[in-house]
Amino acid sequence: MFAKSALAYDPLPLPDRANYSAAEMQSKSDDFLAHMQRRHTVRDFTSQPVSRMVIETCIKTAGSAPSGANHQPWHFVAIANPGLKQQIRTEAEEEEKRFYAGGAGDEWIKALEPIGTDADKPHLTTAPWLIVVFAQRWGEFDDGSRYKNYYVPESVNIATGFLLAALHTAGLCTLTHTPNPMKFLNAALGRPASEKPTMIIAVGHPSPEATVPGVAKLKKPLEEIATVFE
């Protein structure tokens, strides 16, 4: 993406500019809040197909996120291949079995009880798509030499948030899954050592029997998550 010979500052006029009234700003922020409050993590999917084009458009949205030095230190691998999904499920469940067998510690397992999770991860094969998020710890110039990426976790986390919002806006449900460790994903998906897998996102339509844990509807009030100095 980057050429050593082309690293120069080139200021451009702001291409898009919103100029809403105070009332319009409040209305749009209220609408977006209501939209995002309808997003729910589910663990029960149908196998109903989802267009590759929809998935790619949502990933393009993720790719528009801000990043440290604009290095865009992320890579998204979208998987619909049944055999590859089964391989990922098998290896992920092996990690999860160790996690629930004591690797996580009693406090962590106790914290997960209201969520209702266990080592069985059928969503990894039932959902029509898996998207694996990779963080790129370093990049390469056009001549093959390395360059450092900056604020990698922060940048990838922002892009992942964009992705989840885009998938929800497309009418899809998601489940974020983070088996630990996830090194098996590099080999399974042919990703280089410069990349670290951070998350598996199952994507699809919820089954008619899908549920959400009651605790998931308990959100901290504004006064607990924000401090305002006016």
Protein backbone atom coordinates (compact mmCIF):
# COMPACT_ATOMS: atom_id res chain seq x y z
CA MET A 1 0.00 0.00 0.00
CA PHE A 2 2.77 2.41 0.90
CA ALA A 3 5.72 3.47 -1.24
CA LYS A 4 8.73 5.01 0.46
CA SER A 5 8.96 7.56 -2.32
CA ALA A 6 5.36 8.77 -1.87
CA LEU A 7 5.21 9.65 1.85
CA ALA A 8 4.17 13.30 1.69
CA TYR A 9 1.49 15.49 3.22
CA ASP A 10 -1.22 16.41 0.70
CA PRO A 11 -4.08 18.40 2.29
CA LEU A 12 -7.43 18.07 0.52
CA PRO A 13 -10.65 20.03 1.08
CA LEU A 14 -13.07 18.15 3.34
CA PRO A 15 -15.03 16.08 0.80
CA ASP A 16 -18.18 15.60 2.87
CA ARG A 17 -19.63 18.08 5.31
CA ALA A 18 -22.82 17.79 7.37
CA ASN A 19 -24.52 21.02 8.35
CA TYR A 20 -27.51 20.02 10.46
CA SER A 21 -29.54 22.21 12.74
CA ALA A 22 -29.48 21.48 16.47
CA ALA A 23 -32.86 19.76 16.17
CA GLU A 24 -31.68 17.63 13.25
CA MET A 25 -28.55 16.59 15.13
CA GLN A 26 -30.62 15.50 18.11
CA SER A 27 -33.06 13.64 15.90
CA LYS A 28 -30.30 11.79 14.04
CA SER A 29 -28.48 10.86 17.25
CA ASP A 30 -31.76 9.62 18.78
CA ASP A 31 -32.49 7.55 15.68
CA PHE A 32 -29.03 5.99 15.68
CA LEU A 33 -29.28 5.17 19.39
CA ALA A 34 -32.62 3.43 18.82
CA HIS A 35 -31.16 1.56 15.84
CA MET A 36 -28.13 0.31 17.77
CA GLN A 37 -30.23 -0.63 20.80
CA ARG A 38 -31.97 -3.13 18.53
CA ARG A 39 -28.63 -4.91 17.98
CA HIS A 40 -28.39 -8.17 19.91
CA THR A 41 -25.75 -10.87 20.10
CA VAL A 42 -27.30 -14.25 19.32
CA ARG A 43 -25.98 -17.80 19.51
CA ASP A 44 -28.66 -19.50 17.41
CA PHE A 45 -28.42 -18.97 13.66
CA THR A 46 -30.14 -20.38 10.61
CA SER A 47 -28.20 -21.54 7.58
CA GLN A 48 -30.06 -19.03 5.38
CA PRO A 49 -27.53 -17.74 2.85
CA VAL A 50 -26.19 -14.19 2.96
CA SER A 51 -24.82 -12.53 -0.16
CA ARG A 52 -21.05 -12.26 -0.45
CA MET A 53 -21.60 -8.73 -1.75
CA VAL A 54 -23.32 -7.72 1.52
CA ILE A 55 -20.42 -9.12 3.55
CA GLU A 56 -17.85 -7.35 1.39
CA THR A 57 -19.72 -4.04 1.62
CA CYS A 58 -19.77 -4.29 5.42
CA ILE A 59 -16.04 -5.03 5.42
CA LYS A 60 -15.48 -1.97 3.22
CA THR A 61 -17.30 0.04 5.89
CA ALA A 62 -14.90 -1.37 8.49
CA GLY A 63 -12.01 -0.38 6.25
CA SER A 64 -13.15 3.25 6.37
CA ALA A 65 -12.39 3.50 10.10
CA PRO A 66 -9.71 5.87 11.39
CA SER A 67 -6.34 4.37 12.27
CA GLY A 68 -2.94 5.32 13.64
CA ALA A 69 -0.97 7.15 10.90
CA ASN A 70 -3.66 5.88 8.48
CA HIS A 71 -1.81 2.55 8.27
CA GLN A 72 -5.11 0.62 8.45
CA PRO A 73 -3.50 -2.28 10.35
CA TRP A 74 -6.26 -4.84 9.83
CA HIS A 75 -7.25 -7.72 7.62
CA PHE A 76 -10.65 -9.42 7.49
CA VAL A 77 -11.05 -13.01 6.30
CA ALA A 78 -14.64 -13.90 5.34
CA ILE A 79 -15.41 -17.62 5.29
CA ALA A 80 -18.44 -19.41 3.88
CA ASN A 81 -16.66 -22.66 2.96
CA PRO A 82 -18.28 -25.43 5.07
CA GLY A 83 -15.10 -27.49 5.42
CA LEU A 84 -13.07 -24.53 6.59
CA LYS A 85 -15.79 -23.48 9.04
CA GLN A 86 -15.81 -27.01 10.45
CA GLN A 87 -12.02 -26.93 10.84
CA ILE A 88 -12.23 -23.64 12.72
CA ARG A 89 -15.03 -24.96 14.93
CA THR A 90 -13.11 -28.12 15.77
CA GLU A 91 -9.95 -26.23 16.74
CA ALA A 92 -11.85 -23.48 18.57
CA GLU A 93 -13.80 -26.02 20.62
CA GLU A 94 -10.56 -27.71 21.66
CA GLU A 95 -9.37 -24.39 23.06
CA GLU A 96 -12.75 -23.79 24.69
CA LYS A 97 -12.74 -27.20 26.38
CA ARG A 98 -9.45 -26.31 28.07
CA PHE A 99 -10.88 -22.91 28.99
CA TYR A 100 -13.98 -24.33 30.68
CA ALA A 101 -12.04 -27.21 32.25
CA GLY A 102 -10.14 -24.81 34.45
CA GLY A 103 -7.90 -22.73 32.24
CA ALA A 104 -10.07 -19.66 32.74
CA GLY A 105 -10.19 -19.72 36.53
CA ASP A 106 -13.25 -19.87 38.77
CA GLU A 107 -13.98 -16.13 38.77
CA TRP A 108 -14.14 -15.90 34.98
CA ILE A 109 -16.33 -18.98 34.66
CA LYS A 110 -18.66 -17.59 37.32
CA ALA A 111 -18.91 -14.30 35.44
CA LEU A 112 -20.00 -16.17 32.32
CA GLU A 113 -22.82 -18.09 34.00
CA PRO A 114 -25.51 -15.42 33.29
CA ILE A 115 -24.49 -15.49 29.63
CA GLY A 116 -25.15 -19.22 29.33
CA THR A 117 -22.05 -20.16 27.32
CA ASP A 118 -20.11 -23.42 27.24
CA ALA A 119 -17.47 -25.14 25.12
CA ASP A 120 -19.92 -26.13 22.37
CA LYS A 121 -19.87 -23.61 19.51
CA PRO A 122 -22.40 -24.71 16.86
CA HIS A 123 -22.69 -21.16 15.53
CA LEU A 124 -19.26 -21.57 13.94
CA THR A 125 -20.71 -24.01 11.42
CA THR A 126 -24.38 -23.00 11.31
CA ALA A 127 -23.92 -19.30 10.58
CA PRO A 128 -23.45 -18.78 6.82
CA TRP A 129 -20.38 -16.60 7.32
CA LEU A 130 -17.48 -16.27 9.72
CA ILE A 131 -15.37 -13.14 9.62
CA VAL A 132 -11.98 -13.45 11.29
CA VAL A 133 -10.37 -10.14 12.27
CA PHE A 134 -6.58 -9.90 12.14
CA ALA A 135 -4.42 -7.11 13.55
CA GLN A 136 -1.33 -6.32 11.48
CA ARG A 137 1.60 -5.71 13.81
CA TRP A 138 3.78 -4.43 10.99
CA GLY A 139 3.43 -3.73 7.28
CA GLU A 140 5.67 -3.77 4.25
CA PHE A 141 6.67 -1.06 1.79
CA ASP A 142 6.55 -1.73 -1.93
CA ASP A 143 10.21 -2.75 -1.80
CA GLY A 144 9.49 -5.43 0.83
CA SER A 145 11.04 -3.63 3.81
CA ARG A 146 9.04 -3.40 7.03
CA TYR A 147 7.39 -0.40 8.60
CA LYS A 148 5.89 -0.12 12.06
CA ASN A 149 2.13 0.19 12.60
CA TYR A 150 0.89 2.48 15.36
CA TYR A 151 -2.00 2.18 17.82
CA VAL A 152 -2.79 -1.22 16.37
CA PRO A 153 -5.24 -2.52 19.04
CA GLU A 154 -7.08 0.79 19.16
CA SER A 155 -7.34 1.02 15.36
CA VAL A 156 -8.50 -2.58 14.92
CA ASN A 157 -11.05 -2.22 17.71
CA ILE A 158 -12.55 0.87 16.06
CA ALA A 159 -12.75 -0.92 12.70
CA THR A 160 -14.38 -3.94 14.33
CA GLY A 161 -17.01 -1.65 15.86
CA PHE A 162 -17.68 -0.20 12.42
CA LEU A 163 -18.05 -3.75 11.07
CA LEU A 164 -20.53 -4.83 13.75
CA ALA A 165 -22.61 -1.68 13.20
CA ALA A 166 -22.59 -2.23 9.43
CA LEU A 167 -23.68 -5.86 9.74
CA HIS A 168 -26.50 -4.86 12.10
CA THR A 169 -27.58 -2.13 9.70
CA ALA A 170 -27.74 -4.75 6.93
CA GLY A 171 -30.25 -6.70 9.05
CA LEU A 172 -27.83 -9.39 10.20
CA CYS A 173 -27.05 -10.79 13.62
CA THR A 174 -23.56 -11.43 14.94
CA LEU A 175 -21.71 -13.28 17.65
CA THR A 176 -18.19 -12.27 18.62
CA HIS A 177 -16.03 -15.22 19.63
CA THR A 178 -12.51 -15.10 21.05
CA PRO A 179 -11.03 -18.54 21.74
CA ASN A 180 -7.72 -18.25 23.51
CA PRO A 181 -5.18 -18.77 22.06
CA MET A 182 -6.13 -18.18 18.43
CA LYS A 183 -2.82 -18.87 16.71
CA PHE A 184 -4.40 -21.80 14.85
CA LEU A 185 -6.25 -19.28 12.68
CA ASN A 186 -3.05 -18.06 11.00
CA ALA A 187 -2.28 -21.55 9.74
CA ALA A 188 -5.89 -22.36 8.85
CA LEU A 189 -6.34 -19.16 6.85
CA GLY A 190 -2.84 -18.69 5.46
CA ARG A 191 -2.17 -15.39 7.21
CA PRO A 192 1.40 -14.18 7.82
CA ALA A 193 3.26 -13.97 11.12
CA SER A 194 2.84 -10.19 11.08
CA GLU A 195 -0.87 -10.64 11.78
CA LYS A 196 -2.51 -11.56 15.07
CA PRO A 197 -6.10 -12.90 15.09
CA THR A 198 -8.27 -10.92 17.47
CA MET A 199 -11.80 -12.19 16.94
CA ILE A 200 -14.10 -14.55 15.07
CA ILE A 201 -17.46 -13.02 14.16
CA ALA A 202 -20.30 -15.36 13.24
CA VAL A 203 -22.71 -13.61 10.87
CA GLY A 204 -26.16 -14.55 9.67
CA HIS A 205 -29.88 -14.59 10.40
CA PRO A 206 -31.19 -15.60 13.84
CA SER A 207 -33.15 -18.83 14.15
CA PRO A 208 -36.84 -18.55 15.11
CA GLU A 209 -35.86 -20.01 18.52
CA ALA A 210 -33.02 -17.54 19.12
CA THR A 211 -32.83 -16.05 22.60
CA VAL A 212 -30.69 -13.51 24.38
CA PRO A 213 -29.66 -13.77 28.03
CA GLY A 214 -31.65 -11.43 30.23
CA VAL A 215 -28.48 -9.92 31.62
CA ALA A 216 -27.60 -8.69 28.12
CA LYS A 217 -30.47 -6.19 28.37
CA LEU A 218 -29.01 -4.62 31.50
CA LYS A 219 -27.00 -1.65 30.30
CA LYS A 220 -25.28 0.84 32.56
CA PRO A 221 -27.05 4.22 32.68
CA LEU A 222 -25.42 7.28 31.17
CA GLU A 223 -24.27 8.62 34.53
CA GLU A 224 -22.18 5.47 35.05
CA ILE A 225 -20.47 5.49 31.67
CA ALA A 226 -19.96 9.21 31.06
CA THR A 227 -18.61 12.27 32.85
CA VAL A 228 -19.38 15.66 31.30
CA PHE A 229 -17.58 18.95 31.95
CA GLU A 230 -19.57 21.78 30.33
